Protein backbone atom coordinates (compact mmCIF):
# COMPACT_ATOMS: atom_id res chain seq x y z
CA UNK A 1 0.00 0.00 0.00
CA UNK A 2 1.40 3.42 -0.96
CA UNK A 3 2.06 5.91 1.81
CA UNK A 4 1.32 9.59 1.54
CA UNK A 5 4.15 12.09 1.74
CA UNK A 6 4.56 14.07 4.94
CA UNK A 7 3.44 17.20 3.08
CA UNK A 8 0.14 15.50 2.26
CA UNK A 9 -0.51 14.91 5.96
CA UNK A 10 0.23 18.57 6.76
CA UNK A 11 -2.05 19.78 3.95
CA UNK A 12 -4.82 17.46 5.15
CA UNK A 13 -4.36 18.58 8.75
CA UNK A 14 -4.56 22.23 7.70
CA UNK A 15 -7.73 21.52 5.68
CA UNK A 16 -9.33 19.95 8.75
CA UNK A 17 -8.33 22.96 10.88
CA UNK A 18 -9.69 25.47 8.36
CA UNK A 19 -12.96 23.61 7.82
CA UNK A 20 -13.40 23.12 11.57
CA UNK A 21 -12.77 26.84 12.13
CA UNK A 22 -15.60 27.71 9.79
CA UNK A 23 -17.93 25.09 11.31
CA UNK A 24 -17.11 26.05 14.92
CA UNK A 25 -17.83 29.71 14.22
CA UNK A 26 -21.04 28.83 12.41
CA UNK A 27 -22.47 26.14 14.71
CA UNK A 28 -20.41 26.43 17.88
CA UNK A 29 -17.78 24.11 19.29
CA UNK A 30 -20.29 21.98 21.17
CA UNK A 31 -22.60 21.94 18.13
CA UNK A 32 -19.92 20.46 15.88
CA UNK A 33 -19.27 16.75 16.13
CA UNK A 34 -16.19 14.98 14.79
CA UNK A 35 -18.27 13.24 12.13
CA UNK A 36 -19.50 16.57 10.71
CA UNK A 37 -16.06 18.16 10.96
CA UNK A 38 -14.40 15.33 9.08
CA UNK A 39 -17.16 15.25 6.48
CA UNK A 40 -16.62 19.00 5.92
CA UNK A 41 -12.95 18.23 5.24
CA UNK A 42 -13.89 15.41 2.85
CA UNK A 43 -12.52 12.71 5.15
CA UNK A 44 -13.81 9.79 7.19
CA UNK A 45 -14.08 9.77 10.98
CA UNK A 46 -11.26 7.24 11.16
CA UNK A 47 -8.78 9.76 9.79
CA UNK A 48 -9.36 12.16 12.67
CA UNK A 49 -7.01 10.51 15.16
CA UNK A 50 -4.17 10.42 12.64
CA UNK A 51 -4.13 14.22 12.98
CA UNK A 52 -5.41 15.08 16.48
CA UNK A 53 -5.34 13.41 19.88
CA UNK A 54 -8.88 14.58 20.74
CA UNK A 55 -11.53 17.12 19.87
CA UNK A 56 -9.99 19.40 22.52
CA UNK A 57 -6.67 19.15 20.66
CA UNK A 58 -8.43 20.14 17.43
CA UNK A 59 -10.20 23.06 19.13
CA UNK A 60 -6.90 24.41 20.51
CA UNK A 61 -5.30 24.16 17.06
CA UNK A 62 -8.28 25.82 15.39
CA UNK A 63 -8.31 28.71 17.86
CA UNK A 64 -4.58 29.28 17.39
CA UNK A 65 -4.90 29.12 13.58
CA UNK A 66 -7.93 31.42 13.45
CA UNK A 67 -6.25 34.08 15.58
CA UNK A 68 -2.95 33.83 13.67
CA UNK A 69 -4.92 34.41 10.47
CA UNK A 70 -6.71 37.37 12.04
CA UNK A 71 -3.43 38.94 13.18
CA UNK A 72 -1.86 38.39 9.73
CA UNK A 73 -4.78 40.32 8.22
CA UNK A 74 -3.60 43.43 10.06
CA UNK A 75 -0.65 43.58 7.64
CA UNK A 76 -3.10 44.27 4.81
CA UNK A 77 -4.51 47.38 6.49
CA UNK A 78 -3.40 50.92 5.89
CA UNK A 79 -0.77 52.06 8.41
CA UNK A 80 -1.59 53.46 11.84
CA UNK A 81 -4.93 54.81 12.96
CA UNK A 82 -6.32 54.93 9.41
CA UNK A 83 -5.98 51.16 9.18
CA UNK A 84 -7.52 50.78 12.63
CA UNK A 85 -10.50 52.88 11.54
CA UNK A 86 -10.87 50.67 8.44
CA UNK A 87 -10.74 47.61 10.69
CA UNK A 88 -13.43 48.98 13.01
CA UNK A 89 -15.75 49.74 10.09
CA UNK A 90 -15.23 46.31 8.53
CA UNK A 91 -15.46 44.46 11.84
CA UNK A 92 -18.72 46.20 12.78
CA UNK A 93 -20.31 45.75 9.36
CA UNK A 94 -23.53 43.91 8.55
CA UNK A 95 -21.50 41.58 6.30
CA UNK A 96 -19.28 40.48 9.19
CA UNK A 97 -22.26 40.19 11.50
CA UNK A 98 -24.21 38.07 9.04
CA UNK A 99 -21.30 35.72 8.19
CA UNK A 100 -20.05 34.37 11.53
CA UNK A 101 -18.49 31.31 9.88
CA UNK A 102 -15.96 33.47 8.04
CA UNK A 103 -15.47 36.12 10.70
CA UNK A 104 -13.76 36.78 13.98
CA UNK A 105 -13.39 33.76 16.26
CA UNK A 106 -13.68 35.96 19.36
CA UNK A 107 -17.15 37.24 18.47
CA UNK A 108 -18.31 33.76 17.44
CA UNK A 109 -16.73 31.57 20.13
CA UNK A 110 -15.73 33.58 23.19
CA UNK A 111 -18.36 32.12 25.50
CA UNK A 112 -17.40 28.56 24.55
CA UNK A 113 -13.66 29.22 24.72
CA UNK A 114 -14.18 30.30 28.31
CA UNK A 115 -15.40 26.78 29.09
CA UNK A 116 -12.64 24.95 27.21
CA UNK A 117 -9.60 23.13 28.48
CA UNK A 118 -6.27 24.80 29.25
CA UNK A 119 -4.66 24.34 25.80
CA UNK A 120 -7.52 26.18 24.10
CA UNK A 121 -7.47 29.00 26.64
CA UNK A 122 -3.70 29.25 26.21
CA UNK A 123 -4.04 29.42 22.42
CA UNK A 124 -6.71 32.09 22.80
CA UNK A 125 -4.63 34.08 25.27
CA UNK A 126 -1.63 34.10 22.91
CA UNK A 127 -3.77 35.08 19.92
CA UNK A 128 -5.72 37.76 21.77
CA UNK A 129 -2.47 39.20 23.11
CA UNK A 130 -1.14 39.47 19.55
CA UNK A 131 -4.35 41.25 18.47
CA UNK A 132 -4.12 43.67 21.40
CA UNK A 133 -0.47 44.33 20.56
CA UNK A 134 -1.44 45.16 16.96
CA UNK A 135 -4.19 47.53 18.07
CA UNK A 136 -1.94 49.22 20.65
CA UNK A 137 0.80 49.67 18.03
CA UNK A 138 -1.69 51.43 15.76
CA UNK A 139 -2.95 53.65 18.56
CA UNK A 140 0.52 54.68 19.75
CA UNK A 141 3.26 53.60 17.32
CA UNK A 142 6.02 55.24 19.39
CA UNK A 143 4.90 53.69 22.68
CA UNK A 144 2.42 50.82 22.18
CA UNK A 145 2.55 49.85 25.86
CA UNK A 146 1.02 53.21 26.78
CA UNK A 147 -2.03 52.35 24.66
CA UNK A 148 -2.52 48.81 26.00
CA UNK A 149 -5.48 49.72 28.21
CA UNK A 150 -7.18 51.55 25.37
CA UNK A 151 -6.51 48.60 23.03
CA UNK A 152 -8.17 46.21 25.50
CA UNK A 153 -11.20 48.50 25.80
CA UNK A 154 -11.47 48.96 22.04
CA UNK A 155 -11.20 45.25 21.26
CA UNK A 156 -13.72 44.36 23.97
CA UNK A 157 -16.10 47.04 22.65
CA UNK A 158 -15.83 45.71 19.10
CA UNK A 159 -16.37 42.05 20.07
CA UNK A 160 -19.28 42.86 22.40
CA UNK A 161 -20.94 45.13 19.85
CA UNK A 162 -20.78 42.43 17.18
CA UNK A 163 -22.12 39.79 19.56
CA UNK A 164 -25.02 42.03 20.62
CA UNK A 165 -25.90 42.86 17.02
CA UNK A 166 -25.90 39.14 16.12
CA UNK A 167 -28.22 38.35 19.02
CA UNK A 168 -30.98 40.79 18.05
CA UNK A 169 -33.89 39.56 15.95
CA UNK A 170 -34.93 43.06 14.84
CA UNK A 171 -32.78 44.01 11.82
CA UNK A 172 -33.15 47.73 12.41
CA UNK A 173 -32.02 47.43 16.01
CA UNK A 174 -29.15 45.13 15.02
CA UNK A 175 -27.98 47.67 12.41
CA UNK A 176 -28.27 50.51 14.92
CA UNK A 177 -26.07 48.62 17.37
CA UNK A 178 -23.40 48.36 14.67
CA UNK A 179 -23.69 52.04 13.68
CA UNK A 180 -23.45 53.22 17.29
CA UNK A 181 -20.64 50.75 17.91
CA UNK A 182 -18.63 52.30 15.07
CA UNK A 183 -19.28 55.81 16.41
CA UNK A 184 -18.30 54.80 19.94
CA UNK A 185 -15.20 52.88 18.85
CA UNK A 186 -13.97 55.79 16.71
CA UNK A 187 -14.57 58.22 19.58
CA UNK A 188 -12.87 55.86 22.04
CA UNK A 189 -9.74 55.49 19.90
CA UNK A 190 -9.09 59.24 19.76
C-alpha atoms as a PDB file:
ATOM      1  CA  UNK A   1       0.000   0.000   0.000  1.00  0.00           C
ATOM      2  CA  UNK A   2       1.399   3.424  -0.956  1.00  0.00           C
ATOM      3  CA  UNK A   3       2.060   5.906   1.813  1.00  0.00           C
ATOM      4  CA  UNK A   4       1.319   9.590   1.543  1.00  0.00           C
ATOM      5  CA  UNK A   5       4.151  12.094   1.737  1.00  0.00           C
ATOM      6  CA  UNK A   6       4.557  14.074   4.943  1.00  0.00           C
ATOM      7  CA  UNK A   7       3.442  17.205   3.079  1.00  0.00           C
ATOM      8  CA  UNK A   8       0.136  15.500   2.261  1.00  0.00           C
ATOM      9  CA  UNK A   9      -0.509  14.909   5.958  1.00  0.00           C
ATOM     10  CA  UNK A  10       0.232  18.568   6.758  1.00  0.00           C
ATOM     11  CA  UNK A  11      -2.050  19.776   3.948  1.00  0.00           C
ATOM     12  CA  UNK A  12      -4.818  17.458   5.145  1.00  0.00           C
ATOM     13  CA  UNK A  13      -4.362  18.578   8.750  1.00  0.00           C
ATOM     14  CA  UNK A  14      -4.561  22.229   7.696  1.00  0.00           C
ATOM     15  CA  UNK A  15      -7.725  21.521   5.677  1.00  0.00           C
ATOM     16  CA  UNK A  16      -9.327  19.953   8.753  1.00  0.00           C
ATOM     17  CA  UNK A  17      -8.327  22.962  10.879  1.00  0.00           C
ATOM     18  CA  UNK A  18      -9.686  25.471   8.357  1.00  0.00           C
ATOM     19  CA  UNK A  19     -12.962  23.613   7.821  1.00  0.00           C
ATOM     20  CA  UNK A  20     -13.397  23.120  11.568  1.00  0.00           C
ATOM     21  CA  UNK A  21     -12.772  26.837  12.134  1.00  0.00           C
ATOM     22  CA  UNK A  22     -15.603  27.708   9.789  1.00  0.00           C
ATOM     23  CA  UNK A  23     -17.927  25.090  11.313  1.00  0.00           C
ATOM     24  CA  UNK A  24     -17.110  26.046  14.916  1.00  0.00           C
ATOM     25  CA  UNK A  25     -17.831  29.712  14.224  1.00  0.00           C
ATOM     26  CA  UNK A  26     -21.038  28.827  12.410  1.00  0.00           C
ATOM     27  CA  UNK A  27     -22.471  26.138  14.711  1.00  0.00           C
ATOM     28  CA  UNK A  28     -20.408  26.430  17.880  1.00  0.00           C
ATOM     29  CA  UNK A  29     -17.777  24.106  19.289  1.00  0.00           C
ATOM     30  CA  UNK A  30     -20.292  21.985  21.166  1.00  0.00           C
ATOM     31  CA  UNK A  31     -22.602  21.942  18.127  1.00  0.00           C
ATOM     32  CA  UNK A  32     -19.918  20.458  15.879  1.00  0.00           C
ATOM     33  CA  UNK A  33     -19.266  16.749  16.132  1.00  0.00           C
ATOM     34  CA  UNK A  34     -16.193  14.975  14.794  1.00  0.00           C
ATOM     35  CA  UNK A  35     -18.267  13.243  12.130  1.00  0.00           C
ATOM     36  CA  UNK A  36     -19.495  16.567  10.714  1.00  0.00           C
ATOM     37  CA  UNK A  37     -16.064  18.163  10.959  1.00  0.00           C
ATOM     38  CA  UNK A  38     -14.401  15.327   9.084  1.00  0.00           C
ATOM     39  CA  UNK A  39     -17.159  15.253   6.477  1.00  0.00           C
ATOM     40  CA  UNK A  40     -16.623  18.999   5.924  1.00  0.00           C
ATOM     41  CA  UNK A  41     -12.955  18.226   5.244  1.00  0.00           C
ATOM     42  CA  UNK A  42     -13.886  15.413   2.849  1.00  0.00           C
ATOM     43  CA  UNK A  43     -12.521  12.706   5.146  1.00  0.00           C
ATOM     44  CA  UNK A  44     -13.812   9.791   7.187  1.00  0.00           C
ATOM     45  CA  UNK A  45     -14.079   9.766  10.978  1.00  0.00           C
ATOM     46  CA  UNK A  46     -11.264   7.243  11.164  1.00  0.00           C
ATOM     47  CA  UNK A  47      -8.784   9.757   9.789  1.00  0.00           C
ATOM     48  CA  UNK A  48      -9.360  12.159  12.673  1.00  0.00           C
ATOM     49  CA  UNK A  49      -7.013  10.506  15.161  1.00  0.00           C
ATOM     50  CA  UNK A  50      -4.170  10.422  12.644  1.00  0.00           C
ATOM     51  CA  UNK A  51      -4.131  14.221  12.983  1.00  0.00           C
ATOM     52  CA  UNK A  52      -5.410  15.080  16.480  1.00  0.00           C
ATOM     53  CA  UNK A  53      -5.342  13.413  19.885  1.00  0.00           C
ATOM     54  CA  UNK A  54      -8.876  14.577  20.741  1.00  0.00           C
ATOM     55  CA  UNK A  55     -11.526  17.124  19.868  1.00  0.00           C
ATOM     56  CA  UNK A  56      -9.986  19.396  22.519  1.00  0.00           C
ATOM     57  CA  UNK A  57      -6.671  19.154  20.657  1.00  0.00           C
ATOM     58  CA  UNK A  58      -8.427  20.144  17.426  1.00  0.00           C
ATOM     59  CA  UNK A  59     -10.196  23.062  19.135  1.00  0.00           C
ATOM     60  CA  UNK A  60      -6.905  24.414  20.507  1.00  0.00           C
ATOM     61  CA  UNK A  61      -5.299  24.159  17.061  1.00  0.00           C
ATOM     62  CA  UNK A  62      -8.284  25.822  15.394  1.00  0.00           C
ATOM     63  CA  UNK A  63      -8.312  28.714  17.858  1.00  0.00           C
ATOM     64  CA  UNK A  64      -4.577  29.276  17.387  1.00  0.00           C
ATOM     65  CA  UNK A  65      -4.900  29.122  13.584  1.00  0.00           C
ATOM     66  CA  UNK A  66      -7.930  31.418  13.450  1.00  0.00           C
ATOM     67  CA  UNK A  67      -6.250  34.077  15.584  1.00  0.00           C
ATOM     68  CA  UNK A  68      -2.950  33.833  13.670  1.00  0.00           C
ATOM     69  CA  UNK A  69      -4.917  34.411  10.475  1.00  0.00           C
ATOM     70  CA  UNK A  70      -6.708  37.372  12.039  1.00  0.00           C
ATOM     71  CA  UNK A  71      -3.426  38.938  13.180  1.00  0.00           C
ATOM     72  CA  UNK A  72      -1.865  38.391   9.733  1.00  0.00           C
ATOM     73  CA  UNK A  73      -4.781  40.320   8.218  1.00  0.00           C
ATOM     74  CA  UNK A  74      -3.605  43.432  10.058  1.00  0.00           C
ATOM     75  CA  UNK A  75      -0.650  43.583   7.640  1.00  0.00           C
ATOM     76  CA  UNK A  76      -3.100  44.268   4.809  1.00  0.00           C
ATOM     77  CA  UNK A  77      -4.515  47.381   6.490  1.00  0.00           C
ATOM     78  CA  UNK A  78      -3.396  50.921   5.895  1.00  0.00           C
ATOM     79  CA  UNK A  79      -0.768  52.057   8.409  1.00  0.00           C
ATOM     80  CA  UNK A  80      -1.591  53.457  11.839  1.00  0.00           C
ATOM     81  CA  UNK A  81      -4.930  54.806  12.956  1.00  0.00           C
ATOM     82  CA  UNK A  82      -6.324  54.927   9.411  1.00  0.00           C
ATOM     83  CA  UNK A  83      -5.978  51.165   9.183  1.00  0.00           C
ATOM     84  CA  UNK A  84      -7.521  50.780  12.625  1.00  0.00           C
ATOM     85  CA  UNK A  85     -10.498  52.883  11.535  1.00  0.00           C
ATOM     86  CA  UNK A  86     -10.868  50.667   8.441  1.00  0.00           C
ATOM     87  CA  UNK A  87     -10.735  47.611  10.695  1.00  0.00           C
ATOM     88  CA  UNK A  88     -13.434  48.980  13.009  1.00  0.00           C
ATOM     89  CA  UNK A  89     -15.752  49.742  10.089  1.00  0.00           C
ATOM     90  CA  UNK A  90     -15.234  46.309   8.531  1.00  0.00           C
ATOM     91  CA  UNK A  91     -15.462  44.463  11.841  1.00  0.00           C
ATOM     92  CA  UNK A  92     -18.717  46.200  12.780  1.00  0.00           C
ATOM     93  CA  UNK A  93     -20.308  45.755   9.363  1.00  0.00           C
ATOM     94  CA  UNK A  94     -23.533  43.910   8.550  1.00  0.00           C
ATOM     95  CA  UNK A  95     -21.505  41.581   6.302  1.00  0.00           C
ATOM     96  CA  UNK A  96     -19.284  40.478   9.187  1.00  0.00           C
ATOM     97  CA  UNK A  97     -22.260  40.194  11.502  1.00  0.00           C
ATOM     98  CA  UNK A  98     -24.206  38.071   9.038  1.00  0.00           C
ATOM     99  CA  UNK A  99     -21.303  35.716   8.185  1.00  0.00           C
ATOM    100  CA  UNK A 100     -20.054  34.366  11.526  1.00  0.00           C
ATOM    101  CA  UNK A 101     -18.490  31.309   9.879  1.00  0.00           C
ATOM    102  CA  UNK A 102     -15.964  33.470   8.039  1.00  0.00           C
ATOM    103  CA  UNK A 103     -15.466  36.124  10.696  1.00  0.00           C
ATOM    104  CA  UNK A 104     -13.764  36.779  13.980  1.00  0.00           C
ATOM    105  CA  UNK A 105     -13.390  33.761  16.265  1.00  0.00           C
ATOM    106  CA  UNK A 106     -13.685  35.964  19.355  1.00  0.00           C
ATOM    107  CA  UNK A 107     -17.155  37.235  18.466  1.00  0.00           C
ATOM    108  CA  UNK A 108     -18.308  33.762  17.442  1.00  0.00           C
ATOM    109  CA  UNK A 109     -16.731  31.570  20.126  1.00  0.00           C
ATOM    110  CA  UNK A 110     -15.728  33.579  23.188  1.00  0.00           C
ATOM    111  CA  UNK A 111     -18.356  32.121  25.500  1.00  0.00           C
ATOM    112  CA  UNK A 112     -17.397  28.563  24.547  1.00  0.00           C
ATOM    113  CA  UNK A 113     -13.656  29.215  24.716  1.00  0.00           C
ATOM    114  CA  UNK A 114     -14.179  30.296  28.311  1.00  0.00           C
ATOM    115  CA  UNK A 115     -15.405  26.776  29.089  1.00  0.00           C
ATOM    116  CA  UNK A 116     -12.641  24.949  27.205  1.00  0.00           C
ATOM    117  CA  UNK A 117      -9.599  23.130  28.475  1.00  0.00           C
ATOM    118  CA  UNK A 118      -6.271  24.799  29.253  1.00  0.00           C
ATOM    119  CA  UNK A 119      -4.662  24.343  25.805  1.00  0.00           C
ATOM    120  CA  UNK A 120      -7.518  26.180  24.097  1.00  0.00           C
ATOM    121  CA  UNK A 121      -7.470  29.000  26.639  1.00  0.00           C
ATOM    122  CA  UNK A 122      -3.696  29.250  26.215  1.00  0.00           C
ATOM    123  CA  UNK A 123      -4.039  29.417  22.417  1.00  0.00           C
ATOM    124  CA  UNK A 124      -6.710  32.087  22.795  1.00  0.00           C
ATOM    125  CA  UNK A 125      -4.627  34.081  25.273  1.00  0.00           C
ATOM    126  CA  UNK A 126      -1.630  34.098  22.913  1.00  0.00           C
ATOM    127  CA  UNK A 127      -3.765  35.077  19.918  1.00  0.00           C
ATOM    128  CA  UNK A 128      -5.724  37.759  21.775  1.00  0.00           C
ATOM    129  CA  UNK A 129      -2.468  39.200  23.115  1.00  0.00           C
ATOM    130  CA  UNK A 130      -1.142  39.475  19.553  1.00  0.00           C
ATOM    131  CA  UNK A 131      -4.347  41.252  18.474  1.00  0.00           C
ATOM    132  CA  UNK A 132      -4.123  43.668  21.401  1.00  0.00           C
ATOM    133  CA  UNK A 133      -0.467  44.332  20.559  1.00  0.00           C
ATOM    134  CA  UNK A 134      -1.443  45.160  16.959  1.00  0.00           C
ATOM    135  CA  UNK A 135      -4.192  47.534  18.075  1.00  0.00           C
ATOM    136  CA  UNK A 136      -1.936  49.217  20.647  1.00  0.00           C
ATOM    137  CA  UNK A 137       0.804  49.668  18.035  1.00  0.00           C
ATOM    138  CA  UNK A 138      -1.686  51.430  15.763  1.00  0.00           C
ATOM    139  CA  UNK A 139      -2.955  53.645  18.561  1.00  0.00           C
ATOM    140  CA  UNK A 140       0.517  54.684  19.748  1.00  0.00           C
ATOM    141  CA  UNK A 141       3.257  53.602  17.322  1.00  0.00           C
ATOM    142  CA  UNK A 142       6.016  55.238  19.387  1.00  0.00           C
ATOM    143  CA  UNK A 143       4.895  53.688  22.679  1.00  0.00           C
ATOM    144  CA  UNK A 144       2.420  50.825  22.184  1.00  0.00           C
ATOM    145  CA  UNK A 145       2.553  49.845  25.861  1.00  0.00           C
ATOM    146  CA  UNK A 146       1.021  53.214  26.782  1.00  0.00           C
ATOM    147  CA  UNK A 147      -2.032  52.350  24.660  1.00  0.00           C
ATOM    148  CA  UNK A 148      -2.521  48.812  25.995  1.00  0.00           C
ATOM    149  CA  UNK A 149      -5.480  49.717  28.208  1.00  0.00           C
ATOM    150  CA  UNK A 150      -7.176  51.547  25.370  1.00  0.00           C
ATOM    151  CA  UNK A 151      -6.507  48.596  23.034  1.00  0.00           C
ATOM    152  CA  UNK A 152      -8.166  46.215  25.502  1.00  0.00           C
ATOM    153  CA  UNK A 153     -11.197  48.498  25.796  1.00  0.00           C
ATOM    154  CA  UNK A 154     -11.465  48.962  22.041  1.00  0.00           C
ATOM    155  CA  UNK A 155     -11.205  45.245  21.260  1.00  0.00           C
ATOM    156  CA  UNK A 156     -13.724  44.362  23.974  1.00  0.00           C
ATOM    157  CA  UNK A 157     -16.095  47.038  22.650  1.00  0.00           C
ATOM    158  CA  UNK A 158     -15.830  45.705  19.096  1.00  0.00           C
ATOM    159  CA  UNK A 159     -16.369  42.051  20.075  1.00  0.00           C
ATOM    160  CA  UNK A 160     -19.278  42.856  22.399  1.00  0.00           C
ATOM    161  CA  UNK A 161     -20.936  45.127  19.850  1.00  0.00           C
ATOM    162  CA  UNK A 162     -20.781  42.431  17.183  1.00  0.00           C
ATOM    163  CA  UNK A 163     -22.117  39.787  19.561  1.00  0.00           C
ATOM    164  CA  UNK A 164     -25.019  42.029  20.617  1.00  0.00           C
ATOM    165  CA  UNK A 165     -25.896  42.860  17.024  1.00  0.00           C
ATOM    166  CA  UNK A 166     -25.901  39.143  16.125  1.00  0.00           C
ATOM    167  CA  UNK A 167     -28.220  38.346  19.023  1.00  0.00           C
ATOM    168  CA  UNK A 168     -30.978  40.787  18.047  1.00  0.00           C
ATOM    169  CA  UNK A 169     -33.891  39.563  15.949  1.00  0.00           C
ATOM    170  CA  UNK A 170     -34.932  43.056  14.836  1.00  0.00           C
ATOM    171  CA  UNK A 171     -32.783  44.010  11.817  1.00  0.00           C
ATOM    172  CA  UNK A 172     -33.151  47.733  12.409  1.00  0.00           C
ATOM    173  CA  UNK A 173     -32.023  47.428  16.015  1.00  0.00           C
ATOM    174  CA  UNK A 174     -29.147  45.134  15.023  1.00  0.00           C
ATOM    175  CA  UNK A 175     -27.981  47.667  12.412  1.00  0.00           C
ATOM    176  CA  UNK A 176     -28.273  50.513  14.918  1.00  0.00           C
ATOM    177  CA  UNK A 177     -26.067  48.622  17.372  1.00  0.00           C
ATOM    178  CA  UNK A 178     -23.400  48.356  14.675  1.00  0.00           C
ATOM    179  CA  UNK A 179     -23.689  52.037  13.684  1.00  0.00           C
ATOM    180  CA  UNK A 180     -23.452  53.222  17.292  1.00  0.00           C
ATOM    181  CA  UNK A 181     -20.644  50.754  17.914  1.00  0.00           C
ATOM    182  CA  UNK A 182     -18.630  52.301  15.069  1.00  0.00           C
ATOM    183  CA  UNK A 183     -19.278  55.813  16.415  1.00  0.00           C
ATOM    184  CA  UNK A 184     -18.299  54.796  19.942  1.00  0.00           C
ATOM    185  CA  UNK A 185     -15.201  52.882  18.850  1.00  0.00           C
ATOM    186  CA  UNK A 186     -13.974  55.794  16.711  1.00  0.00           C
ATOM    187  CA  UNK A 187     -14.574  58.224  19.578  1.00  0.00           C
ATOM    188  CA  UNK A 188     -12.866  55.865  22.037  1.00  0.00           C
ATOM    189  CA  UNK A 189      -9.741  55.487  19.901  1.00  0.00           C
ATOM    190  CA  UNK A 190      -9.095  59.236  19.763  1.00  0.00           C
END
